[in-house]
Amino acid sequence: MTEPAVNLSAVTLSDMHVKLREAHAEDFDIIRDLLTRCGLTTGSVTAEGCTYWIADLDGVPGGCIGLEHGPGVSLIRSTAVVPEARSQGLGRALVTSALTQASLLGNHTVYLFSEEAGEYWRRFDFVPSTPDEIVAALPDAPQVRSGLARGWIHAEQAWKCTLAGGGPA
């Protein structure tokens, strides 16, 4: 399902109504479309053991993020903002929402995989980790299972953020 594109060439997010909402089962085609538009894979996107959020810009989906849950830990995945909405704070809002949710769930650590965006994640207090640490912490997470089955997981750069008192440490 392809959503209409948002023309942001002459406006900023402050000019638009931005709404972050938790995704429901009927939203997964929208999430897959957002990820595809951003050049990301969708093979392991599932509602099972996960929470996703969608950022709507004037009612049109402009970004998403997922959080896979484990015992005391979570894994951020499928973080995407459509090209025309980047560099205006939407990604920061999505990441902050996911980290807040992880903290509210009582998580002590949040992990993610990112080869290209390491400097971006450092802004949120993520530090390098190892794929083995993520596999040990979240063996049943859909992205971990997919990475192990497809053989890509040990070639990825892993990151972690230690949470304390409701947010990044």
Protein backbone atom coordinates (compact mmCIF):
# COMPACT_ATOMS: atom_id res chain seq x y z
CA MET A 1 0.00 0.00 0.00
CA THR A 2 1.62 3.23 -1.13
CA GLU A 3 0.74 6.36 0.80
CA PRO A 4 0.76 9.76 -0.90
CA ALA A 5 4.09 11.51 -0.69
CA VAL A 6 4.41 14.49 1.61
CA ASN A 7 5.87 17.52 -0.18
CA LEU A 8 8.19 19.02 2.40
CA SER A 9 10.32 21.06 0.03
CA ALA A 10 8.82 24.37 1.19
CA VAL A 11 7.71 23.52 4.73
CA THR A 12 9.26 22.28 7.95
CA LEU A 13 7.89 19.85 10.49
CA SER A 14 7.01 22.77 12.72
CA ASP A 15 4.55 23.83 10.01
CA MET A 16 2.89 20.41 10.04
CA HIS A 17 0.81 18.40 12.46
CA VAL A 18 3.04 15.53 13.62
CA LYS A 19 1.43 12.60 15.40
CA LEU A 20 3.30 9.58 16.75
CA ARG A 21 1.00 6.60 17.08
CA GLU A 22 1.41 2.98 18.03
CA ALA A 23 0.97 0.74 15.01
CA HIS A 24 -1.71 -1.93 14.88
CA ALA A 25 -1.91 -5.08 12.77
CA GLU A 26 -3.61 -3.21 9.93
CA ASP A 27 -0.66 -0.76 9.80
CA PHE A 28 2.02 -3.26 8.81
CA ASP A 29 1.58 -2.64 5.08
CA ILE A 30 2.25 1.05 5.82
CA ILE A 31 5.37 0.14 7.82
CA ARG A 32 6.64 -2.13 5.04
CA ASP A 33 6.01 0.64 2.49
CA LEU A 34 7.91 3.22 4.60
CA LEU A 35 10.85 0.83 5.00
CA THR A 36 10.89 0.01 1.28
CA ARG A 37 10.81 3.72 0.38
CA CYS A 38 13.86 4.19 2.63
CA GLY A 39 15.76 1.26 1.11
CA LEU A 40 15.41 -1.01 4.16
CA THR A 41 14.45 -4.68 4.25
CA THR A 42 11.08 -5.86 5.48
CA GLY A 43 11.53 -9.64 5.73
CA SER A 44 11.36 -9.94 9.52
CA VAL A 45 8.86 -7.15 10.21
CA THR A 46 6.21 -8.67 12.46
CA ALA A 47 3.89 -7.69 15.27
CA GLU A 48 4.98 -10.77 17.27
CA GLY A 49 6.89 -9.63 20.37
CA CYS A 50 7.27 -6.12 18.95
CA THR A 51 5.87 -2.65 19.19
CA TYR A 52 6.01 -0.27 16.24
CA TRP A 53 5.21 3.42 15.98
CA ILE A 54 4.33 5.45 12.93
CA ALA A 55 4.88 9.19 12.61
CA ASP A 56 2.07 10.79 10.65
CA LEU A 57 2.74 14.17 9.04
CA ASP A 58 -0.53 15.97 8.38
CA GLY A 59 -2.14 12.51 8.38
CA VAL A 60 0.39 10.94 5.98
CA PRO A 61 2.89 8.34 7.27
CA GLY A 62 6.39 9.83 7.20
CA GLY A 63 8.42 7.54 9.45
CA CYS A 64 8.43 4.50 11.70
CA ILE A 65 10.41 2.66 14.35
CA GLY A 66 10.13 -0.76 15.94
CA LEU A 67 11.06 -2.14 19.33
CA GLU A 68 11.47 -5.89 19.79
CA HIS A 69 11.06 -6.98 23.39
CA GLY A 70 13.04 -9.39 25.53
CA PRO A 71 13.52 -9.95 29.27
CA GLY A 72 14.83 -6.61 30.54
CA VAL A 73 16.10 -5.59 27.11
CA SER A 74 14.77 -4.38 23.77
CA LEU A 75 16.06 -4.09 20.22
CA ILE A 76 15.36 -1.03 18.08
CA ARG A 77 14.75 -1.94 14.49
CA SER A 78 13.19 -0.63 11.29
CA THR A 79 13.90 3.03 11.99
CA ALA A 80 12.97 5.00 8.90
CA VAL A 81 12.08 8.55 7.93
CA VAL A 82 11.10 9.30 4.34
CA PRO A 83 13.78 11.34 2.56
CA GLU A 84 11.67 14.48 2.26
CA ALA A 85 11.13 14.62 6.06
CA ARG A 86 14.72 14.04 7.20
CA SER A 87 16.90 16.40 9.26
CA GLN A 88 13.94 18.05 10.94
CA GLY A 89 13.68 16.11 14.20
CA LEU A 90 11.25 13.36 13.21
CA GLY A 91 13.82 10.59 13.67
CA ARG A 92 14.76 12.01 17.07
CA ALA A 93 11.09 11.98 18.10
CA LEU A 94 10.73 8.34 17.02
CA VAL A 95 13.92 7.23 18.80
CA THR A 96 13.01 9.13 21.97
CA SER A 97 9.58 7.49 21.94
CA ALA A 98 11.10 4.01 21.62
CA LEU A 99 13.69 4.64 24.37
CA THR A 100 10.98 6.01 26.66
CA GLN A 101 8.83 2.94 26.04
CA ALA A 102 11.79 0.64 26.76
CA SER A 103 12.43 2.50 30.02
CA LEU A 104 8.76 2.29 31.01
CA LEU A 105 8.89 -1.46 30.38
CA GLY A 106 11.74 -1.65 32.90
CA ASN A 107 14.44 -2.41 30.33
CA HIS A 108 18.03 -1.90 31.41
CA THR A 109 19.51 -2.02 27.90
CA VAL A 110 18.40 -1.26 24.34
CA TYR A 111 20.29 -2.70 21.39
CA LEU A 112 20.30 -2.15 17.64
CA PHE A 113 22.18 -3.01 14.47
CA SER A 114 23.46 -0.19 12.28
CA GLU A 115 26.32 -0.19 9.80
CA GLU A 116 25.86 3.28 8.36
CA ALA A 117 24.35 5.41 11.11
CA GLY A 118 26.64 4.90 14.08
CA GLU A 119 27.29 8.60 14.62
CA TYR A 120 23.55 9.22 14.67
CA TRP A 121 23.02 6.60 17.38
CA ARG A 122 25.87 8.01 19.50
CA ARG A 123 23.65 11.11 19.97
CA PHE A 124 21.36 8.89 22.05
CA ASP A 125 24.20 7.43 24.15
CA PHE A 126 24.56 4.23 22.12
CA VAL A 127 28.04 2.69 22.20
CA PRO A 128 29.48 -0.14 20.11
CA SER A 129 28.56 -3.65 21.18
CA THR A 130 28.82 -7.06 19.54
CA PRO A 131 26.33 -9.17 17.62
CA ASP A 132 27.02 -12.00 20.08
CA GLU A 133 25.87 -9.82 22.99
CA ILE A 134 22.60 -9.07 21.19
CA VAL A 135 22.08 -12.74 20.28
CA ALA A 136 22.60 -13.72 23.91
CA ALA A 137 20.27 -11.01 25.22
CA LEU A 138 17.49 -11.40 22.61
CA PRO A 139 17.72 -14.87 21.05
CA ASP A 140 14.01 -14.95 20.20
CA ALA A 141 13.75 -11.46 18.71
CA PRO A 142 12.51 -11.62 15.09
CA GLN A 143 15.44 -9.57 13.74
CA VAL A 144 17.96 -11.77 15.59
CA ARG A 145 16.31 -14.98 14.34
CA SER A 146 16.27 -13.55 10.81
CA GLY A 147 19.92 -12.49 11.00
CA LEU A 148 21.02 -15.89 12.23
CA ALA A 149 18.95 -17.75 9.63
CA ARG A 150 20.17 -15.57 6.76
CA GLY A 151 23.77 -15.39 7.97
CA TRP A 152 24.17 -11.61 8.10
CA ILE A 153 24.11 -10.99 11.83
CA HIS A 154 27.83 -11.42 12.61
CA ALA A 155 28.81 -8.98 9.85
CA GLU A 156 26.69 -6.18 11.37
CA GLN A 157 27.79 -3.41 13.70
CA ALA A 158 25.94 -3.76 16.99
CA TRP A 159 25.11 -0.90 19.39
CA LYS A 160 23.74 -0.67 22.91
CA CYS A 161 22.37 1.98 25.22
CA THR A 162 22.19 1.44 28.96
CA LEU A 163 19.01 2.89 30.42
CA ALA A 164 18.80 4.39 33.90
CA GLY A 165 15.90 6.20 35.52
CA GLY A 166 13.62 6.53 32.52
CA GLY A 167 15.92 7.22 29.61
CA PRO A 168 19.43 7.03 28.19
CA ALA A 169 22.16 6.92 30.83
